Amino acid sequence: MSSLRRVYHPILLSTIAILGTLLIWNIYINQQYSKQLAIKRPHTHPSMEVDELYDAIRIFCLIPYNYKNPTAAQYVKRTWGKHCNYLVFVSGNVDAELEPYVPVVNATDNWTLVHRGLLYAYTYYHDKVDWFLKVEESSFVALENLRYLIHRKQYKPNEAIYFGYELKDTKTQKPYVYCKSGYVISNEALRLYAADPDNENCEHKVGIREDLEIVHCLQHAGVASVDSRDEWGKETFLPIHISHQFNEGYSPWLRNASYHTVDAHTVPISQSAITFRLDYPPHMFNYYYFVYTVKLFGLPRP
């Protein structure tokens, strides 16, 4: 018995030594590889480490919010907002953390903030970005999937287009974008919008629905809505709150108003989903739980 122990003991020590050597060597190789990446991309934004299209498809994120309740907007800045090339909040009052653009002091009307925010975005960032994303502060956005969609569909920033979840205009039967899900405007489209901000087709009155007003403004400027669905025809801009996605599903109104046919018994969630509507106001635990789940399991692209 003692002879067997004498035999196994050096074998065990040798095995431990070999494993330790392999571990140290693996750490050394990883460190050298990381240094090489840093040398090749010394000025790259951290988001580029997980998004190879970060510099190729530059996105400006516009987040209007009510200054009386900045909590949701603060979550955006601390989480997915870091993946925007530029992130700007629009509100009716100053905030030390969010540093918003304040077009009208004490303003809380959403359309006023959006309209003035879009004009501000084009004036100061049109030469720095390719696309302008407007989304509610209670949403979560997968910017990597947005860049992937633009790349896959080969949309160009010099085209006069915008996209999001499409509803159907009952009068013209043409599509227009549902603002609650967020929408993306090309650089050229926003140029046309900003060129004539006071045209008669844009009333800019307090209380007007944003999606109806923005479509009138953009259509008058010659901007067209384009498809934002994935390869299988599933929506990437989710129009209902995530908590309702598998319970109630689409309401009868939304199902009938949707431009693309929606099956009454299914909720067509894309693997490449871009915007998620969270409950408002989002509870801090639920918001960070959602963010953690996305980081842990990812939002796989086909």
Protein backbone atom coordinates (compact mmCIF):
# COMPACT_ATOMS: atom_id res chain seq x y z
CA MET A 1 0.00 0.00 0.00
CA SER A 2 2.79 2.38 0.86
CA SER A 3 4.54 1.60 -2.44
CA LEU A 4 1.40 2.52 -4.37
CA ARG A 5 1.22 5.83 -2.51
CA ARG A 6 4.85 6.53 -3.38
CA VAL A 7 4.05 5.89 -7.05
CA TYR A 8 0.85 8.00 -7.17
CA HIS A 9 2.27 10.92 -5.22
CA PRO A 10 4.85 12.05 -7.83
CA ILE A 11 2.30 11.45 -10.61
CA LEU A 12 -0.17 13.74 -8.84
CA LEU A 13 2.47 16.41 -8.32
CA SER A 14 3.52 16.17 -11.96
CA THR A 15 -0.10 16.54 -13.12
CA ILE A 16 -0.62 19.62 -10.94
CA ALA A 17 2.63 21.13 -12.24
CA ILE A 18 1.61 20.54 -15.86
CA LEU A 19 -1.85 22.05 -15.35
CA GLY A 20 -0.34 25.04 -13.55
CA THR A 21 2.11 25.59 -16.40
CA LEU A 22 -0.68 25.42 -18.99
CA LEU A 23 -2.77 27.89 -17.00
CA ILE A 24 0.08 30.39 -16.72
CA TRP A 25 0.88 30.00 -20.41
CA ASN A 26 -2.80 30.58 -21.34
CA ILE A 27 -2.92 33.77 -19.25
CA TYR A 28 0.30 34.99 -20.87
CA ILE A 29 -1.01 34.34 -24.41
CA ASN A 30 -4.28 36.16 -23.66
CA GLN A 31 -2.38 39.15 -22.28
CA GLN A 32 -0.17 39.33 -25.37
CA TYR A 33 -3.21 39.06 -27.65
CA SER A 34 -4.99 41.86 -25.78
CA LYS A 35 -1.89 44.07 -26.10
CA GLN A 36 -1.79 43.45 -29.85
CA LEU A 37 -5.46 44.43 -30.18
CA ALA A 38 -4.82 47.59 -28.21
CA ILE A 39 -1.92 48.48 -30.50
CA LYS A 40 -4.03 47.91 -33.62
CA ARG A 41 -7.02 49.88 -32.32
CA PRO A 42 -5.70 52.44 -29.83
CA HIS A 43 -8.59 54.91 -30.23
CA THR A 44 -11.51 52.51 -30.62
CA HIS A 45 -14.59 52.97 -28.46
CA PRO A 46 -15.16 50.10 -25.99
CA SER A 47 -18.40 49.19 -27.80
CA MET A 48 -16.30 48.22 -30.83
CA GLU A 49 -15.04 45.20 -28.90
CA VAL A 50 -18.44 43.55 -29.38
CA ASP A 51 -19.75 45.46 -32.43
CA GLU A 52 -17.60 45.41 -35.53
CA LEU A 53 -19.94 47.89 -37.25
CA TYR A 54 -19.63 50.55 -34.53
CA ASP A 55 -17.44 52.91 -36.56
CA ALA A 56 -18.89 51.98 -39.96
CA ILE A 57 -22.53 52.72 -39.04
CA ARG A 58 -22.63 55.72 -36.70
CA ILE A 59 -25.82 56.19 -34.72
CA PHE A 60 -27.07 59.23 -32.82
CA CYS A 61 -29.54 58.37 -30.03
CA LEU A 62 -32.17 60.96 -29.09
CA ILE A 63 -34.02 60.37 -25.81
CA PRO A 64 -36.78 62.83 -24.83
CA TYR A 65 -37.96 62.54 -21.22
CA ASN A 66 -40.05 64.31 -18.60
CA TYR A 67 -37.69 66.22 -16.33
CA LYS A 68 -40.00 65.53 -13.38
CA ASN A 69 -39.10 61.84 -13.55
CA PRO A 70 -35.58 61.27 -14.92
CA THR A 71 -35.13 57.75 -13.49
CA ALA A 72 -35.73 55.80 -16.71
CA ALA A 73 -33.47 58.12 -18.70
CA GLN A 74 -30.72 57.58 -16.13
CA TYR A 75 -31.02 53.82 -16.65
CA VAL A 76 -30.52 54.38 -20.39
CA LYS A 77 -27.30 56.32 -19.84
CA ARG A 78 -25.93 53.66 -17.48
CA THR A 79 -26.77 50.70 -19.76
CA TRP A 80 -27.49 50.47 -23.49
CA GLY A 81 -26.89 54.18 -24.14
CA LYS A 82 -23.16 53.49 -23.96
CA HIS A 83 -23.43 51.73 -27.33
CA CYS A 84 -24.61 54.85 -29.17
CA ASN A 85 -21.98 56.80 -31.05
CA TYR A 86 -23.61 59.91 -29.59
CA LEU A 87 -26.28 60.03 -26.89
CA VAL A 88 -28.34 63.17 -26.24
CA PHE A 89 -31.28 63.62 -23.90
CA VAL A 90 -33.95 66.29 -24.42
CA SER A 91 -35.93 67.69 -21.52
CA GLY A 92 -37.52 70.77 -20.02
CA ASN A 93 -34.98 71.29 -17.27
CA VAL A 94 -31.31 70.73 -16.47
CA ASP A 95 -29.98 67.52 -14.91
CA ALA A 96 -26.46 67.04 -13.58
CA GLU A 97 -26.16 63.42 -14.69
CA LEU A 98 -28.01 63.46 -18.02
CA GLU A 99 -26.91 66.93 -19.18
CA PRO A 100 -29.93 67.27 -21.50
CA TYR A 101 -30.56 69.73 -24.28
CA VAL A 102 -33.29 72.07 -22.96
CA PRO A 103 -35.15 73.70 -25.89
CA VAL A 104 -38.01 75.12 -23.80
CA VAL A 105 -37.75 75.58 -20.03
CA ASN A 106 -40.28 73.44 -18.09
CA ALA A 107 -41.53 71.81 -21.32
CA THR A 108 -43.14 68.38 -20.86
CA ASP A 109 -44.99 67.99 -24.18
CA ASN A 110 -43.41 65.03 -25.95
CA TRP A 111 -43.80 66.30 -29.53
CA THR A 112 -42.26 69.65 -28.63
CA LEU A 113 -39.21 67.89 -27.20
CA VAL A 114 -38.93 65.50 -30.15
CA HIS A 115 -39.27 68.16 -32.84
CA ARG A 116 -36.80 70.55 -31.24
CA GLY A 117 -34.50 67.65 -30.43
CA LEU A 118 -34.41 66.48 -34.06
CA LEU A 119 -33.55 69.97 -35.27
CA TYR A 120 -30.79 70.21 -32.65
CA ALA A 121 -29.46 66.78 -33.60
CA TYR A 122 -29.12 67.64 -37.28
CA THR A 123 -27.64 71.09 -36.64
CA TYR A 124 -24.81 69.85 -34.46
CA TYR A 125 -24.28 66.20 -35.47
CA HIS A 126 -25.18 65.78 -39.15
CA ASP A 127 -21.51 65.60 -40.12
CA LYS A 128 -20.64 63.15 -37.32
CA VAL A 129 -23.26 60.40 -37.71
CA ASP A 130 -25.15 58.44 -40.36
CA TRP A 131 -28.45 57.63 -38.63
CA PHE A 132 -30.66 59.20 -35.96
CA LEU A 133 -32.53 56.95 -33.55
CA LYS A 134 -35.39 58.41 -31.52
CA VAL A 135 -36.74 56.17 -28.76
CA GLU A 136 -38.62 56.46 -25.49
CA GLU A 137 -36.64 56.51 -22.27
CA SER A 138 -38.43 53.39 -20.99
CA SER A 139 -37.15 51.28 -23.91
CA PHE A 140 -34.16 48.99 -24.23
CA VAL A 141 -32.29 49.06 -27.54
CA ALA A 142 -29.85 46.52 -28.98
CA LEU A 143 -27.68 48.88 -31.04
CA GLU A 144 -25.63 45.96 -32.42
CA ASN A 145 -28.79 44.53 -34.00
CA LEU A 146 -29.74 47.92 -35.43
CA ARG A 147 -26.38 48.24 -37.14
CA TYR A 148 -26.70 44.66 -38.37
CA LEU A 149 -30.14 45.40 -39.88
CA ILE A 150 -28.88 48.50 -41.68
CA HIS A 151 -25.87 46.57 -42.96
CA ARG A 152 -27.90 43.53 -44.09
CA LYS A 153 -30.54 45.57 -45.91
CA GLN A 154 -27.85 47.86 -47.35
CA TYR A 155 -29.69 51.01 -46.37
CA LYS A 156 -27.66 54.14 -47.04
CA PRO A 157 -27.61 57.34 -44.95
CA ASN A 158 -27.85 59.44 -48.12
CA GLU A 159 -31.24 57.88 -48.92
CA ALA A 160 -34.34 59.78 -47.76
CA ILE A 161 -35.77 56.97 -45.61
CA TYR A 162 -36.89 56.18 -42.11
CA PHE A 163 -38.05 52.94 -40.47
CA GLY A 164 -39.56 51.32 -37.39
CA TYR A 165 -42.71 49.31 -36.64
CA GLU A 166 -45.14 50.13 -39.44
CA LEU A 167 -48.83 50.95 -39.06
CA LYS A 168 -51.27 51.44 -41.94
CA ASP A 169 -52.77 54.81 -42.80
CA THR A 170 -56.47 54.07 -43.28
CA LYS A 171 -56.86 56.90 -45.81
CA THR A 172 -53.86 56.35 -48.06
CA GLN A 173 -53.18 52.67 -47.17
CA LYS A 174 -49.51 53.64 -46.93
CA PRO A 175 -47.29 52.69 -43.99
CA TYR A 176 -46.19 55.04 -41.25
CA VAL A 177 -44.02 54.37 -38.22
CA TYR A 178 -45.41 53.75 -34.74
CA CYS A 179 -43.44 56.14 -32.53
CA LYS A 180 -43.89 54.13 -29.30
CA SER A 181 -41.50 51.49 -30.67
CA GLY A 182 -38.91 54.06 -31.69
CA TYR A 183 -37.77 54.88 -35.20
CA VAL A 184 -34.61 55.58 -37.20
CA ILE A 185 -34.16 58.49 -39.62
CA SER A 186 -31.39 58.63 -42.20
CA ASN A 187 -29.04 61.60 -42.39
CA GLU A 188 -30.58 62.71 -45.68
CA ALA A 189 -34.13 62.36 -44.37
CA LEU A 190 -33.37 64.51 -41.35
CA ARG A 191 -31.68 67.07 -43.60
CA LEU A 192 -34.91 67.40 -45.58
CA TYR A 193 -36.93 67.60 -42.37
CA ALA A 194 -34.69 70.28 -40.86
CA ALA A 195 -34.57 72.30 -44.10
CA ASP A 196 -38.20 73.38 -43.71
CA PRO A 197 -39.14 73.05 -40.02
CA ASP A 198 -42.08 75.45 -40.26
CA ASN A 199 -43.86 73.99 -43.28
CA GLU A 200 -47.65 73.88 -43.16
CA ASN A 201 -47.71 70.09 -42.97
CA CYS A 202 -46.02 70.21 -39.55
CA GLU A 203 -48.32 71.91 -37.08
CA HIS A 204 -46.06 71.47 -34.02
CA LYS A 205 -48.98 71.97 -31.69
CA VAL A 206 -48.91 70.81 -28.09
CA GLY A 207 -50.68 67.49 -27.61
CA ILE A 208 -50.43 66.24 -31.20
CA ARG A 209 -49.57 62.54 -31.61
CA GLU A 210 -45.94 62.19 -32.56
CA ASP A 211 -46.31 59.33 -35.05
CA LEU A 212 -49.05 61.12 -37.02
CA GLU A 213 -47.19 64.42 -37.02
CA ILE A 214 -43.78 63.01 -37.93
CA VAL A 215 -45.21 61.07 -40.89
CA HIS A 216 -46.89 64.21 -42.28
CA CYS A 217 -43.65 66.17 -41.94
CA LEU A 218 -41.47 63.46 -43.48
CA GLN A 219 -43.83 62.55 -46.31
CA HIS A 220 -44.10 66.24 -47.24
CA ALA A 221 -40.30 66.33 -47.38
CA GLY A 222 -40.20 63.29 -49.68
CA VAL A 223 -39.10 60.76 -47.06
CA ALA A 224 -40.31 57.15 -47.41
CA SER A 225 -40.87 54.47 -44.78
CA VAL A 226 -38.94 51.25 -45.45
CA ASP A 227 -39.19 47.73 -44.08
CA SER A 228 -37.51 46.95 -40.74
CA ARG A 229 -38.43 43.26 -40.51
CA ASP A 230 -35.85 40.48 -40.45
CA GLU A 231 -35.24 37.76 -43.06
CA TRP A 232 -38.26 35.77 -41.87
CA GLY A 233 -40.67 38.69 -41.83
CA LYS A 234 -40.60 39.14 -38.06
CA GLU A 235 -40.67 42.56 -36.46
CA THR A 236 -37.49 44.00 -34.96
CA PHE A 237 -39.14 47.08 -33.38
CA LEU A 238 -41.47 45.52 -30.82
CA PRO A 239 -44.70 47.55 -30.49
CA ILE A 240 -46.00 46.29 -27.13
CA HIS A 241 -44.55 46.17 -23.65
CA ILE A 242 -42.34 43.18 -22.99
CA SER A 243 -44.52 42.10 -20.05
CA HIS A 244 -47.50 41.77 -22.43
CA GLN A 245 -45.58 40.02 -25.17
CA PHE A 246 -46.54 36.47 -24.17
CA ASN A 247 -49.68 37.16 -22.12
CA GLU A 248 -52.12 39.43 -23.92
CA GLY A 249 -50.06 39.75 -27.10
CA TYR A 250 -51.13 42.29 -29.71
CA SER A 251 -54.35 44.12 -28.93
CA PRO A 252 -57.16 43.96 -31.55
CA TRP A 253 -56.46 47.61 -32.40
CA LEU A 254 -52.76 47.03 -33.00
CA ARG A 255 -53.39 43.85 -34.96
CA ASN A 256 -55.80 45.66 -37.28
CA ALA A 257 -53.67 48.81 -37.53
CA SER A 258 -50.41 46.98 -38.34
CA TYR A 259 -49.24 47.40 -41.91
CA HIS A 260 -47.93 43.83 -42.10
CA THR A 261 -50.32 40.97 -41.32
CA VAL A 262 -50.18 39.79 -37.73
CA ASP A 263 -51.37 36.32 -36.77
CA ALA A 264 -53.92 36.51 -33.96
CA HIS A 265 -52.33 33.57 -32.13
CA THR A 266 -48.64 34.39 -32.37
CA VAL A 267 -46.32 37.20 -31.39
CA PRO A 268 -43.65 37.51 -34.13
CA ILE A 269 -40.52 38.32 -32.13
CA SER A 270 -37.34 38.50 -34.18
CA GLN A 271 -34.09 36.92 -33.04
CA SER A 272 -32.55 40.20 -34.18
CA ALA A 273 -34.98 42.40 -32.21
CA ILE A 274 -33.82 46.02 -31.86
CA THR A 275 -36.19 47.85 -29.50
CA PHE A 276 -37.96 46.45 -26.45
CA ARG A 277 -40.67 48.41 -24.66
CA LEU A 278 -40.27 48.00 -20.90
CA ASP A 279 -42.95 48.83 -18.36
CA TYR A 280 -43.06 52.51 -17.45
CA PRO A 281 -41.89 53.67 -15.09
CA PRO A 282 -39.49 50.72 -15.11
CA HIS A 283 -38.66 49.30 -11.71
CA MET A 284 -34.90 49.44 -11.20
CA PHE A 285 -34.64 45.71 -10.45
CA ASN A 286 -36.68 44.71 -13.52
CA TYR A 287 -34.68 47.03 -15.77
CA TYR A 288 -31.30 45.77 -14.69
CA TYR A 289 -32.56 42.18 -14.68
CA PHE A 290 -33.53 42.60 -18.35
CA VAL A 291 -30.16 44.16 -19.17
CA TYR A 292 -28.35 41.35 -17.35
CA THR A 293 -30.38 38.71 -19.20
CA VAL A 294 -29.48 40.28 -22.56
CA LYS A 295 -25.79 40.35 -21.61
CA LEU A 296 -25.89 36.77 -20.32
CA PHE A 297 -27.84 35.09 -23.12
CA GLY A 298 -27.39 37.70 -25.84
CA LEU A 299 -29.69 38.70 -28.66
CA PRO A 300 -28.54 36.20 -31.30
CA ARG A 301 -28.41 37.23 -34.93
CA PRO A 302 -29.24 34.60 -37.56
